[in-house]
N, C-alpha and C. Protein backbone atom coordinates (compact mmCIF):
# COMPACT_ATOMS: atom_id res chain seq x y z
N UNK A 1 0.96 -1.23 0.09
CA UNK A 1 -0.02 -0.06 -0.01
C UNK A 1 0.96 1.18 0.06
N UNK A 2 0.43 2.24 -0.84
CA UNK A 2 1.30 3.57 -0.96
C UNK A 2 1.30 4.23 0.38
N UNK A 3 2.25 4.89 0.78
CA UNK A 3 2.30 5.51 2.18
C UNK A 3 1.65 6.94 1.95
N UNK A 4 1.21 7.62 3.01
CA UNK A 4 0.81 9.08 2.81
C UNK A 4 2.18 9.72 3.24
N UNK A 5 2.47 10.65 2.40
CA UNK A 5 3.72 11.61 2.59
C UNK A 5 3.44 13.04 2.74
N UNK A 6 3.77 13.74 3.83
CA UNK A 6 3.57 15.08 3.82
C UNK A 6 5.05 15.68 3.85
N UNK A 7 5.27 16.67 3.01
CA UNK A 7 6.69 17.20 2.93
C UNK A 7 6.67 18.45 3.68
N UNK A 8 7.52 18.58 4.81
CA UNK A 8 7.65 19.74 5.59
C UNK A 8 9.17 20.14 5.45
N UNK A 9 9.41 21.33 4.93
CA UNK A 9 10.81 21.83 4.69
C UNK A 9 11.52 20.85 3.95
N UNK A 10 10.90 20.25 2.91
CA UNK A 10 11.56 19.25 2.03
C UNK A 10 12.08 18.06 2.90
N UNK A 11 11.25 17.79 3.88
CA UNK A 11 11.65 16.58 4.73
C UNK A 11 10.35 15.74 4.96
N UNK A 12 10.21 14.40 4.76
CA UNK A 12 9.10 13.71 4.59
C UNK A 12 8.58 13.24 5.94
N UNK A 13 7.29 13.50 6.10
CA UNK A 13 6.59 12.85 7.42
C UNK A 13 5.83 11.84 6.62
N UNK A 14 6.22 10.53 7.14
CA UNK A 14 5.60 9.39 6.27
C UNK A 14 4.67 8.53 7.22
N UNK A 15 3.37 8.33 6.73
CA UNK A 15 2.46 7.55 7.45
C UNK A 15 2.24 6.20 6.58
N UNK A 16 2.56 5.14 7.26
CA UNK A 16 2.41 3.84 6.38
C UNK A 16 2.14 2.69 7.27
N UNK A 17 1.85 1.45 6.57
CA UNK A 17 1.49 0.44 7.25
C UNK A 17 2.82 -0.30 7.75
N UNK A 18 3.68 -0.41 6.76
CA UNK A 18 4.98 -1.09 7.27
C UNK A 18 6.10 -0.35 6.33
N UNK A 19 7.25 -0.62 6.87
CA UNK A 19 8.50 0.14 6.20
C UNK A 19 8.73 -0.13 4.81
N UNK A 20 8.50 -1.49 4.33
CA UNK A 20 8.52 -1.69 2.97
C UNK A 20 7.70 -1.00 1.98
N UNK A 21 6.74 -0.38 2.45
CA UNK A 21 5.85 0.59 1.68
C UNK A 21 6.50 1.78 1.08
N UNK A 22 7.62 2.31 1.76
CA UNK A 22 8.23 3.42 1.53
C UNK A 22 9.15 3.36 0.36
N UNK A 23 9.10 4.13 -0.71
CA UNK A 23 9.71 4.04 -1.95
C UNK A 23 11.12 4.33 -1.73
N UNK A 24 12.25 3.83 -2.53
CA UNK A 24 13.58 4.26 -2.28
C UNK A 24 13.68 5.92 -2.59
N UNK A 25 12.86 6.46 -3.54
CA UNK A 25 13.12 7.65 -3.98
C UNK A 25 12.71 8.73 -2.92
N UNK A 26 12.00 8.14 -1.89
CA UNK A 26 11.55 8.94 -0.79
C UNK A 26 12.60 9.08 0.33
N UNK A 27 13.04 7.77 0.58
CA UNK A 27 13.96 7.61 1.87
C UNK A 27 14.75 6.46 1.51
N UNK A 28 15.98 6.55 0.83
CA UNK A 28 16.82 5.33 0.47
C UNK A 28 17.73 4.97 1.67
N UNK A 29 17.80 5.65 2.61
CA UNK A 29 18.75 5.29 3.67
C UNK A 29 17.85 4.40 4.64
N UNK A 30 18.61 3.99 5.81
CA UNK A 30 18.00 3.11 6.80
C UNK A 30 16.60 3.79 7.31
N UNK A 31 15.53 3.06 7.36
CA UNK A 31 14.18 3.57 7.73
C UNK A 31 14.12 3.56 9.31
N UNK A 32 14.71 2.41 9.99
CA UNK A 32 14.58 2.09 11.27
C UNK A 32 14.72 3.37 12.23
N UNK A 33 15.84 4.07 11.99
CA UNK A 33 16.19 5.32 12.72
C UNK A 33 15.10 6.38 12.69
N UNK A 34 14.31 6.50 11.62
CA UNK A 34 13.37 7.46 11.58
C UNK A 34 11.89 7.16 12.20
N UNK A 35 11.75 5.88 12.70
CA UNK A 35 10.58 5.63 13.22
C UNK A 35 10.31 6.30 14.51
N UNK A 36 9.06 6.73 14.59
CA UNK A 36 8.65 7.51 15.69
C UNK A 36 7.41 6.66 16.60
N UNK A 37 7.67 6.69 17.85
CA UNK A 37 6.62 6.13 18.67
C UNK A 37 5.72 7.31 19.10
N UNK A 38 4.40 7.29 18.50
CA UNK A 38 3.67 8.44 18.83
C UNK A 38 3.24 8.55 20.27
N UNK A 39 3.42 7.33 20.96
CA UNK A 39 2.92 7.35 22.39
C UNK A 39 4.10 8.12 23.21
N UNK A 40 5.31 8.34 22.65
CA UNK A 40 6.20 8.99 23.34
C UNK A 40 6.54 10.32 22.76
N UNK A 41 6.27 10.75 21.59
CA UNK A 41 6.41 11.85 20.80
C UNK A 41 5.22 12.29 20.24
N UNK A 42 4.81 13.67 20.51
CA UNK A 42 3.49 14.02 19.98
C UNK A 42 3.66 14.61 18.59
N UNK A 43 2.59 14.64 17.89
CA UNK A 43 2.62 15.03 16.43
C UNK A 43 3.24 16.47 16.33
N UNK A 44 2.99 17.41 17.24
CA UNK A 44 3.53 18.77 16.97
C UNK A 44 5.03 18.74 17.19
N UNK A 45 5.59 17.98 17.98
CA UNK A 45 6.92 17.76 18.23
C UNK A 45 7.73 17.34 16.91
N UNK A 46 7.03 16.40 16.43
CA UNK A 46 7.53 15.80 15.11
C UNK A 46 7.49 16.69 14.05
N UNK A 47 6.44 17.56 13.84
CA UNK A 47 6.51 18.61 12.97
C UNK A 47 7.57 19.61 13.14
N UNK A 48 7.66 19.98 14.38
CA UNK A 48 8.73 21.08 14.71
C UNK A 48 10.00 20.55 14.44
N UNK A 49 10.38 19.36 14.70
CA UNK A 49 11.69 18.65 14.23
C UNK A 49 12.05 18.80 12.82
N UNK A 50 10.89 18.53 11.92
CA UNK A 50 11.04 18.57 10.59
C UNK A 50 11.26 19.94 10.25
N UNK A 51 10.45 20.88 10.59
CA UNK A 51 10.59 22.26 10.25
C UNK A 51 12.03 22.88 10.69
N UNK A 52 12.52 22.47 11.73
CA UNK A 52 13.82 22.97 12.26
C UNK A 52 15.03 22.26 11.80
N UNK A 53 14.73 21.06 11.13
CA UNK A 53 15.77 20.30 10.47
C UNK A 53 16.55 19.59 11.46
N UNK A 54 16.10 19.26 12.73
CA UNK A 54 16.66 18.42 13.60
C UNK A 54 16.64 17.00 13.41
N UNK A 55 15.68 16.74 12.44
CA UNK A 55 15.60 15.22 11.88
C UNK A 55 15.40 15.30 10.36
N UNK A 56 15.81 14.34 9.64
CA UNK A 56 15.51 14.26 8.10
C UNK A 56 14.26 13.65 7.51
N UNK A 57 13.64 13.07 8.72
CA UNK A 57 12.41 12.26 8.27
C UNK A 57 11.75 11.79 9.49
N UNK A 58 10.58 11.61 9.49
CA UNK A 58 9.61 10.89 10.55
C UNK A 58 8.91 10.04 9.93
N UNK A 59 8.74 8.71 10.49
CA UNK A 59 7.90 7.63 9.88
C UNK A 59 7.03 7.10 11.02
N UNK A 60 5.66 7.15 10.72
CA UNK A 60 4.56 6.59 11.69
C UNK A 60 4.01 5.61 11.10
N UNK A 61 4.03 4.31 11.88
CA UNK A 61 3.34 3.05 11.31
C UNK A 61 1.99 3.13 11.86
N UNK A 62 1.16 2.70 10.94
CA UNK A 62 -0.30 2.75 11.62
C UNK A 62 -1.27 2.05 10.54
N UNK A 63 -1.98 1.26 11.10
CA UNK A 63 -3.06 0.34 10.24
C UNK A 63 -4.28 1.27 9.75
N UNK A 64 -4.25 2.69 10.32
CA UNK A 64 -5.39 3.70 10.00
C UNK A 64 -4.72 4.89 9.60
N UNK A 65 -3.98 4.83 8.46
CA UNK A 65 -3.30 6.00 7.86
C UNK A 65 -4.13 7.27 7.75
N UNK A 66 -5.37 6.92 7.31
CA UNK A 66 -6.26 8.08 7.11
C UNK A 66 -6.55 8.89 8.44
N UNK A 67 -6.90 8.19 9.44
CA UNK A 67 -7.13 8.81 10.72
C UNK A 67 -5.85 9.61 11.16
N UNK A 68 -4.65 9.15 10.93
CA UNK A 68 -3.37 9.74 11.46
C UNK A 68 -3.24 11.02 10.60
N UNK A 69 -3.60 10.90 9.35
CA UNK A 69 -3.36 12.01 8.44
C UNK A 69 -4.42 13.13 8.78
N UNK A 70 -5.52 12.72 9.19
CA UNK A 70 -6.63 13.92 9.45
C UNK A 70 -6.11 14.52 10.80
N UNK A 71 -5.61 13.81 11.69
CA UNK A 71 -4.99 14.50 12.91
C UNK A 71 -3.94 15.24 12.61
N UNK A 72 -3.17 15.28 11.55
CA UNK A 72 -1.99 16.12 11.11
C UNK A 72 -2.80 17.24 10.48
N UNK A 73 -3.59 17.01 9.46
CA UNK A 73 -4.22 17.97 8.60
C UNK A 73 -5.01 19.15 9.32
N UNK A 74 -5.69 18.78 10.42
CA UNK A 74 -6.43 19.75 11.21
C UNK A 74 -5.66 20.85 11.81
N UNK A 75 -4.25 20.60 11.84
CA UNK A 75 -3.38 21.78 12.20
C UNK A 75 -3.12 22.75 11.24
N UNK A 76 -3.60 22.66 10.11
CA UNK A 76 -3.27 23.64 8.99
C UNK A 76 -4.43 23.95 8.22
N UNK A 77 -4.34 25.04 7.39
CA UNK A 77 -5.25 25.44 6.50
C UNK A 77 -5.11 24.56 5.18
N UNK A 78 -6.22 23.98 4.76
CA UNK A 78 -6.04 23.05 3.54
C UNK A 78 -6.40 23.90 2.28
N UNK A 79 -5.43 23.66 1.42
CA UNK A 79 -5.71 24.03 -0.11
C UNK A 79 -5.53 22.80 -1.01
N UNK A 80 -6.01 23.09 -2.14
CA UNK A 80 -6.04 22.02 -3.27
C UNK A 80 -5.49 22.69 -4.40
N UNK A 81 -4.59 21.87 -5.25
CA UNK A 81 -4.12 22.25 -6.59
C UNK A 81 -4.14 21.20 -7.54
N UNK A 82 -3.73 21.28 -8.80
CA UNK A 82 -3.67 20.31 -9.68
C UNK A 82 -2.83 20.57 -10.87
N UNK A 83 -2.01 19.52 -11.26
CA UNK A 83 -1.05 19.88 -12.45
C UNK A 83 -0.82 18.71 -13.21
N UNK A 84 0.10 18.74 -13.98
CA UNK A 84 0.48 17.53 -14.96
C UNK A 84 1.76 17.29 -15.32
N UNK A 85 2.04 16.01 -15.54
CA UNK A 85 3.41 15.55 -16.08
C UNK A 85 3.07 15.19 -17.55
N UNK A 86 3.54 16.00 -18.48
CA UNK A 86 3.15 15.97 -19.77
C UNK A 86 4.37 15.35 -20.67
N UNK A 87 4.03 14.55 -21.59
CA UNK A 87 4.95 14.00 -22.67
C UNK A 87 4.55 14.21 -23.96
N UNK A 88 5.57 14.34 -24.92
CA UNK A 88 5.10 14.53 -26.32
C UNK A 88 5.26 13.13 -27.19
N UNK A 89 5.18 13.26 -28.46
CA UNK A 89 5.19 12.12 -29.22
C UNK A 89 6.47 11.30 -29.07
N UNK A 90 7.59 11.92 -28.79
CA UNK A 90 8.82 11.19 -28.45
C UNK A 90 9.16 10.76 -27.19
N UNK A 91 8.19 11.15 -26.29
CA UNK A 91 8.11 10.73 -24.92
C UNK A 91 9.02 11.59 -24.01
N UNK A 92 9.54 12.75 -24.61
CA UNK A 92 10.16 13.79 -23.75
C UNK A 92 9.22 14.29 -22.78
N UNK A 93 9.75 14.74 -21.63
CA UNK A 93 8.75 15.33 -20.53
C UNK A 93 9.11 16.77 -20.47
N UNK A 94 8.00 17.48 -20.11
CA UNK A 94 8.07 19.05 -19.90
C UNK A 94 8.25 19.42 -18.49
N UNK A 95 9.44 20.19 -18.26
CA UNK A 95 9.64 20.72 -16.89
C UNK A 95 9.81 22.06 -17.01
N UNK A 96 9.28 22.71 -15.74
CA UNK A 96 9.41 24.19 -15.86
C UNK A 96 10.56 24.52 -14.82
N UNK A 97 11.04 25.81 -14.94
CA UNK A 97 12.09 26.11 -14.08
C UNK A 97 11.57 27.41 -13.28
N UNK A 98 11.45 27.29 -12.02
CA UNK A 98 10.80 28.44 -11.06
C UNK A 98 11.45 28.33 -9.75
N UNK A 99 11.80 29.49 -9.21
CA UNK A 99 12.24 29.70 -7.94
C UNK A 99 13.57 28.67 -7.66
N UNK A 100 14.34 28.44 -8.69
CA UNK A 100 15.59 27.98 -8.56
C UNK A 100 15.39 26.29 -8.57
N UNK A 101 14.20 25.84 -8.89
CA UNK A 101 14.10 24.43 -8.94
C UNK A 101 13.32 23.98 -10.38
N UNK A 102 13.58 22.73 -10.67
CA UNK A 102 12.87 22.12 -11.86
C UNK A 102 11.47 21.50 -11.36
N UNK A 103 10.30 21.95 -11.93
CA UNK A 103 9.06 21.67 -11.34
C UNK A 103 8.15 21.17 -12.56
N UNK A 104 6.81 20.80 -12.08
CA UNK A 104 5.84 20.59 -13.04
C UNK A 104 4.81 21.60 -13.00
N UNK A 105 4.13 22.03 -14.26
CA UNK A 105 3.09 22.97 -13.99
C UNK A 105 1.77 22.60 -13.31
N UNK A 106 1.41 23.55 -12.39
CA UNK A 106 0.32 23.19 -11.47
C UNK A 106 -0.13 24.51 -10.91
N UNK A 107 -1.32 24.40 -10.38
CA UNK A 107 -2.02 25.74 -9.75
C UNK A 107 -3.22 25.36 -8.94
N UNK A 108 -3.78 26.49 -8.21
CA UNK A 108 -4.75 26.31 -7.30
C UNK A 108 -6.08 25.97 -7.94
N UNK A 109 -6.83 25.17 -7.45
CA UNK A 109 -8.16 24.64 -7.91
C UNK A 109 -9.05 26.00 -7.40
N UNK A 110 -9.73 26.51 -8.58
CA UNK A 110 -10.72 27.61 -8.25
C UNK A 110 -12.09 27.29 -7.98
N UNK A 111 -12.96 27.90 -7.26
CA UNK A 111 -14.10 27.47 -6.88
C UNK A 111 -15.00 27.13 -8.25
N UNK A 112 -15.79 26.05 -8.24
CA UNK A 112 -16.34 25.63 -9.54
C UNK A 112 -15.75 24.68 -10.34
N UNK A 113 -14.33 24.64 -10.13
CA UNK A 113 -13.50 23.88 -10.94
C UNK A 113 -13.33 22.46 -10.40
N UNK A 114 -13.07 21.49 -11.22
CA UNK A 114 -12.73 20.24 -10.68
C UNK A 114 -11.05 19.99 -11.12
N UNK A 115 -10.45 19.12 -10.44
CA UNK A 115 -8.98 19.03 -10.62
C UNK A 115 -8.52 18.79 -11.99
N UNK A 116 -9.29 18.10 -12.81
CA UNK A 116 -8.81 17.91 -14.27
C UNK A 116 -8.88 19.25 -15.16
N UNK A 117 -9.98 20.08 -14.83
CA UNK A 117 -10.00 21.29 -15.43
C UNK A 117 -8.82 22.35 -15.09
N UNK A 118 -8.65 22.31 -13.87
CA UNK A 118 -7.61 22.97 -13.13
C UNK A 118 -6.19 22.61 -13.80
N UNK A 119 -6.01 21.32 -13.92
CA UNK A 119 -4.76 20.92 -14.37
C UNK A 119 -4.45 21.42 -15.79
N UNK A 120 -5.57 21.18 -16.55
CA UNK A 120 -5.38 21.67 -17.98
C UNK A 120 -5.17 23.21 -18.06
N UNK A 121 -6.02 23.93 -17.41
CA UNK A 121 -5.72 25.40 -17.24
C UNK A 121 -4.44 25.83 -17.00
N UNK A 122 -3.96 25.27 -15.94
CA UNK A 122 -2.68 25.57 -15.39
C UNK A 122 -1.46 25.26 -16.33
N UNK A 123 -1.66 24.15 -16.97
CA UNK A 123 -0.68 23.76 -18.07
C UNK A 123 -0.62 24.68 -19.16
N UNK A 124 -1.83 25.14 -19.60
CA UNK A 124 -1.87 26.18 -20.70
C UNK A 124 -1.29 27.47 -20.30
N UNK A 125 -1.63 27.95 -18.91
CA UNK A 125 -1.18 29.29 -18.66
C UNK A 125 0.22 29.31 -18.35
N UNK A 126 0.85 28.25 -17.74
CA UNK A 126 2.13 28.27 -17.32
C UNK A 126 3.30 27.88 -18.61
N UNK A 127 2.81 27.11 -19.47
CA UNK A 127 3.62 26.74 -20.53
C UNK A 127 3.28 27.11 -21.85
N UNK A 128 1.97 27.88 -22.07
CA UNK A 128 1.57 28.18 -23.54
C UNK A 128 1.07 27.11 -24.42
N UNK A 129 0.99 25.85 -23.93
CA UNK A 129 0.61 24.69 -24.72
C UNK A 129 -0.93 24.45 -24.53
N UNK A 130 -1.68 24.40 -25.78
CA UNK A 130 -3.03 24.22 -25.99
C UNK A 130 -3.35 22.75 -26.18
N UNK A 131 -2.68 22.03 -27.07
CA UNK A 131 -2.97 20.84 -27.41
C UNK A 131 -2.71 19.71 -26.40
N UNK A 132 -3.20 19.74 -25.38
CA UNK A 132 -2.78 18.79 -24.29
C UNK A 132 -4.02 18.05 -23.70
N UNK A 133 -3.98 16.57 -23.61
CA UNK A 133 -5.16 15.77 -23.34
C UNK A 133 -4.68 15.03 -21.87
N UNK A 134 -5.61 14.87 -21.01
CA UNK A 134 -5.28 14.07 -19.80
C UNK A 134 -5.37 12.46 -20.18
N UNK A 135 -4.55 11.78 -19.76
CA UNK A 135 -4.36 10.28 -20.05
C UNK A 135 -4.92 9.51 -18.80
N UNK A 136 -4.38 9.93 -17.65
CA UNK A 136 -4.77 9.27 -16.40
C UNK A 136 -4.51 10.02 -15.37
N UNK A 137 -5.00 9.59 -14.04
CA UNK A 137 -4.58 10.23 -12.80
C UNK A 137 -3.34 9.55 -12.49
N UNK A 138 -2.43 10.37 -11.83
CA UNK A 138 -1.12 9.65 -11.29
C UNK A 138 -1.19 9.35 -9.74
N UNK A 139 -1.43 10.61 -8.93
CA UNK A 139 -1.37 10.49 -7.53
C UNK A 139 -1.69 11.85 -6.92
N UNK A 140 -1.65 11.74 -5.56
CA UNK A 140 -1.68 13.01 -4.80
C UNK A 140 -0.46 13.43 -4.14
N UNK A 141 -0.18 14.55 -3.90
CA UNK A 141 1.07 14.87 -3.07
C UNK A 141 0.51 15.80 -2.17
N UNK A 142 1.41 16.03 -1.06
CA UNK A 142 1.10 16.88 0.03
C UNK A 142 2.42 17.69 0.52
N UNK A 143 2.26 18.89 0.78
CA UNK A 143 3.47 19.76 1.24
C UNK A 143 2.94 20.86 2.05
N UNK A 144 3.74 21.32 3.12
CA UNK A 144 3.39 22.34 3.88
C UNK A 144 4.22 23.51 3.56
N UNK A 145 3.67 24.68 3.62
CA UNK A 145 4.32 26.02 3.35
C UNK A 145 3.64 27.06 4.16
N UNK A 146 4.12 28.22 4.12
CA UNK A 146 3.88 29.59 4.90
C UNK A 146 3.21 30.48 3.76
N UNK A 147 1.98 30.90 3.82
CA UNK A 147 1.30 31.68 2.92
C UNK A 147 2.11 32.93 2.96
N UNK A 148 2.62 33.58 1.94
CA UNK A 148 3.45 34.76 2.08
C UNK A 148 2.58 35.98 2.34
N UNK A 149 1.34 36.04 2.24
CA UNK A 149 0.33 37.05 2.25
C UNK A 149 -0.26 37.12 3.69
N UNK A 150 -0.60 35.83 4.05
CA UNK A 150 -1.55 35.88 5.37
C UNK A 150 -0.68 35.40 6.51
N UNK A 151 0.61 34.68 6.28
CA UNK A 151 1.45 33.97 7.19
C UNK A 151 0.86 32.70 7.75
N UNK A 152 -0.37 32.19 7.11
CA UNK A 152 -0.87 31.07 7.56
C UNK A 152 -0.04 29.88 7.17
N UNK A 153 -0.05 28.75 8.09
CA UNK A 153 0.57 27.47 7.62
C UNK A 153 -0.43 26.66 6.91
N UNK A 154 0.04 26.51 5.62
CA UNK A 154 -0.90 25.69 4.57
C UNK A 154 -0.39 24.29 4.46
N UNK A 155 -1.35 23.35 4.36
CA UNK A 155 -1.14 22.03 3.85
C UNK A 155 -1.84 21.88 2.37
N UNK A 156 -1.00 21.70 1.25
CA UNK A 156 -1.66 21.79 0.04
C UNK A 156 -1.61 20.32 -0.33
N UNK A 157 -2.82 19.89 -0.98
CA UNK A 157 -3.02 18.58 -1.73
C UNK A 157 -3.04 18.94 -3.04
N UNK A 158 -2.10 18.29 -3.81
CA UNK A 158 -2.00 18.44 -5.33
C UNK A 158 -2.54 17.19 -6.10
N UNK A 159 -3.41 17.32 -7.04
CA UNK A 159 -3.88 16.29 -7.78
C UNK A 159 -2.81 16.16 -9.23
N UNK A 160 -2.41 15.11 -9.25
CA UNK A 160 -1.38 14.99 -10.55
C UNK A 160 -2.02 14.18 -11.67
N UNK A 161 -1.98 14.60 -12.88
CA UNK A 161 -2.36 13.77 -14.11
C UNK A 161 -1.19 13.60 -15.00
N UNK A 162 -1.28 12.37 -15.78
CA UNK A 162 -0.42 12.15 -16.84
C UNK A 162 -1.12 12.85 -18.08
N UNK A 163 -0.31 13.61 -18.81
CA UNK A 163 -1.10 14.16 -20.05
C UNK A 163 -0.13 14.01 -21.21
N UNK A 164 -0.88 14.10 -22.33
CA UNK A 164 -0.01 13.95 -23.74
C UNK A 164 -0.22 15.25 -24.62
N UNK A 165 0.95 15.71 -25.10
CA UNK A 165 0.86 16.81 -25.92
C UNK A 165 0.85 16.37 -27.36
N UNK A 166 -0.16 16.78 -28.19
CA UNK A 166 -0.23 16.48 -29.50
C UNK A 166 -0.03 17.67 -30.62
N UNK A 167 0.17 18.88 -29.98
CA UNK A 167 0.27 19.99 -30.92
C UNK A 167 1.71 20.27 -31.55
N UNK A 168 1.77 21.41 -31.97
CA UNK A 168 3.14 21.91 -32.60
C UNK A 168 3.62 23.18 -31.99
N UNK A 169 2.77 23.81 -31.11
CA UNK A 169 2.98 25.23 -30.58
C UNK A 169 4.26 25.12 -29.74
N UNK A 170 5.01 26.24 -29.77
CA UNK A 170 6.17 26.38 -28.93
C UNK A 170 5.61 26.73 -27.51
N UNK A 171 6.62 26.30 -26.49
CA UNK A 171 6.43 26.76 -25.20
C UNK A 171 6.59 28.20 -24.91
N UNK A 172 5.84 28.59 -23.92
CA UNK A 172 6.03 30.17 -23.50
C UNK A 172 6.02 30.19 -22.10
N UNK A 173 6.94 30.37 -21.34
CA UNK A 173 6.96 30.31 -19.82
C UNK A 173 6.14 31.60 -19.37
N UNK A 174 5.25 31.37 -18.32
CA UNK A 174 4.48 32.40 -17.67
C UNK A 174 5.45 33.33 -16.80
N UNK A 175 5.97 34.29 -17.29
CA UNK A 175 7.07 35.12 -16.54
C UNK A 175 6.36 35.80 -15.28
N UNK A 176 5.14 36.05 -15.36
CA UNK A 176 4.47 36.72 -14.15
C UNK A 176 4.18 35.74 -13.02
N UNK A 177 4.37 34.34 -13.29
CA UNK A 177 4.41 33.42 -12.30
C UNK A 177 5.75 33.02 -11.80
N UNK A 178 6.75 33.72 -12.26
CA UNK A 178 8.07 33.47 -11.98
C UNK A 178 8.66 32.09 -12.59
N UNK A 179 8.05 31.80 -13.57
CA UNK A 179 8.58 30.69 -14.46
C UNK A 179 9.58 31.31 -15.44
N UNK A 180 10.87 30.85 -15.35
CA UNK A 180 12.02 31.35 -16.09
C UNK A 180 12.20 30.67 -17.42
N UNK A 181 11.94 29.09 -17.43
CA UNK A 181 12.18 28.41 -18.45
C UNK A 181 11.24 27.36 -18.74
N UNK A 182 10.93 26.78 -19.78
CA UNK A 182 10.13 25.54 -20.05
C UNK A 182 11.07 24.76 -21.09
N UNK A 183 11.22 23.43 -20.71
CA UNK A 183 12.05 22.56 -21.35
C UNK A 183 11.38 21.29 -21.60
N UNK A 184 11.77 20.64 -22.83
CA UNK A 184 11.38 19.33 -23.02
C UNK A 184 12.54 18.54 -22.68
N UNK A 185 12.52 17.48 -21.84
CA UNK A 185 13.69 16.75 -21.36
C UNK A 185 13.53 15.27 -21.74
N UNK A 186 14.82 14.77 -22.47
CA UNK A 186 14.77 13.37 -22.82
C UNK A 186 14.60 12.43 -21.48
N UNK A 187 13.85 11.46 -21.53
CA UNK A 187 13.86 10.39 -20.41
C UNK A 187 15.03 10.06 -19.85
N UNK A 188 16.01 9.83 -20.64
CA UNK A 188 17.25 9.46 -20.06
C UNK A 188 17.97 10.48 -19.22
N UNK A 189 17.51 11.77 -19.48
CA UNK A 189 18.23 12.79 -18.52
C UNK A 189 17.43 13.33 -17.30
N UNK A 190 16.18 12.71 -17.15
CA UNK A 190 15.30 13.12 -16.12
C UNK A 190 15.84 13.11 -14.76
N UNK A 191 16.63 12.09 -14.49
CA UNK A 191 17.22 11.88 -13.14
C UNK A 191 18.13 13.13 -12.85
N UNK A 192 18.88 13.61 -13.65
CA UNK A 192 19.76 14.74 -13.43
C UNK A 192 19.03 15.91 -13.07
N UNK A 193 17.92 16.22 -13.72
CA UNK A 193 17.04 17.41 -13.42
C UNK A 193 16.25 17.19 -12.00
N UNK A 194 15.79 15.92 -11.78
CA UNK A 194 15.28 15.77 -10.43
C UNK A 194 16.08 15.98 -9.24
N UNK A 195 17.34 15.96 -9.41
CA UNK A 195 18.33 16.36 -8.31
C UNK A 195 18.11 17.68 -7.90
N UNK A 196 17.57 18.43 -8.83
CA UNK A 196 17.51 20.10 -8.58
C UNK A 196 15.77 20.34 -8.55
N UNK A 197 15.07 19.29 -7.80
CA UNK A 197 13.58 19.56 -7.89
C UNK A 197 13.20 19.27 -6.47
N UNK A 198 12.00 19.01 -6.26
CA UNK A 198 11.35 18.74 -5.06
C UNK A 198 11.02 17.34 -4.72
N UNK A 199 10.92 16.93 -3.34
CA UNK A 199 10.49 15.68 -3.18
C UNK A 199 9.11 15.26 -3.63
N UNK A 200 8.15 16.26 -3.68
CA UNK A 200 6.84 16.01 -4.26
C UNK A 200 6.82 15.57 -5.71
N UNK A 201 7.76 16.34 -6.39
CA UNK A 201 7.94 15.99 -7.95
C UNK A 201 8.43 14.70 -8.01
N UNK A 202 9.66 14.28 -7.40
CA UNK A 202 10.29 13.09 -7.55
C UNK A 202 9.24 11.95 -7.27
N UNK A 203 8.37 12.22 -6.35
CA UNK A 203 7.37 11.12 -5.97
C UNK A 203 6.22 10.95 -7.36
N UNK A 204 6.00 12.11 -7.90
CA UNK A 204 5.14 12.14 -8.99
C UNK A 204 5.74 11.33 -10.22
N UNK A 205 6.88 11.29 -10.33
CA UNK A 205 7.71 10.59 -11.46
C UNK A 205 7.66 9.14 -11.01
N UNK A 206 8.03 9.03 -9.82
CA UNK A 206 7.95 7.37 -9.36
C UNK A 206 6.52 6.78 -9.57
N UNK A 207 5.40 7.52 -9.23
CA UNK A 207 4.20 6.97 -9.26
C UNK A 207 3.75 6.76 -10.72
N UNK A 208 4.32 7.82 -11.53
CA UNK A 208 4.04 7.60 -13.09
C UNK A 208 4.69 6.43 -13.74
N UNK A 209 5.71 5.85 -13.07
CA UNK A 209 6.42 4.59 -13.58
C UNK A 209 7.89 4.90 -14.02
N UNK A 210 8.36 6.05 -13.67
CA UNK A 210 9.72 6.39 -13.98
C UNK A 210 10.67 5.74 -12.88
N UNK A 211 11.76 5.34 -13.15
CA UNK A 211 12.64 4.80 -12.29
C UNK A 211 13.54 5.48 -11.55
N UNK A 212 13.57 6.89 -11.85
CA UNK A 212 14.40 7.68 -11.02
C UNK A 212 14.01 7.94 -9.57
């Protein structure tokens, strides 16, 4: 069973049924040292340790991962977004460069929109591509950040979709959203780019079937 992973300052808080559920791309080193006994260490202390960098990861074993996740989520303001992992006819993958990292196009789900509508809209706005179709759902990711305007602690859930580009138009980075570059990357080079990406993005590629 896939674990629930919340990224806090690029460090994973992992909720799973057993250690073998954790992919290598999330935590390649010894898992035992990151196991947390919830009876001895409360959730807020775990969150603080991840935020402050005093631990690189926390793992909670539970047969009821949903309930544990909800206990964590209630400490945050929840927001939802949607985005896409896009390939073309040559199976090259689209990546955007924003805030010093390689990323995938995504954006906030507006009232009245569903995740698929949002993902297609954000891909168009952030990359300039029109001829894009959704193939399938990939996964959800979760990460924590501080809202720059309200200073609220946000837990963002992002819906990710595999998409196919069938057009001929050139990419146009959305500069007003701080996107400096849009590139089509050969699959053989993906791992090199993911070294300069986010844990959530590496997990999307893992769930989509890439071996990086």
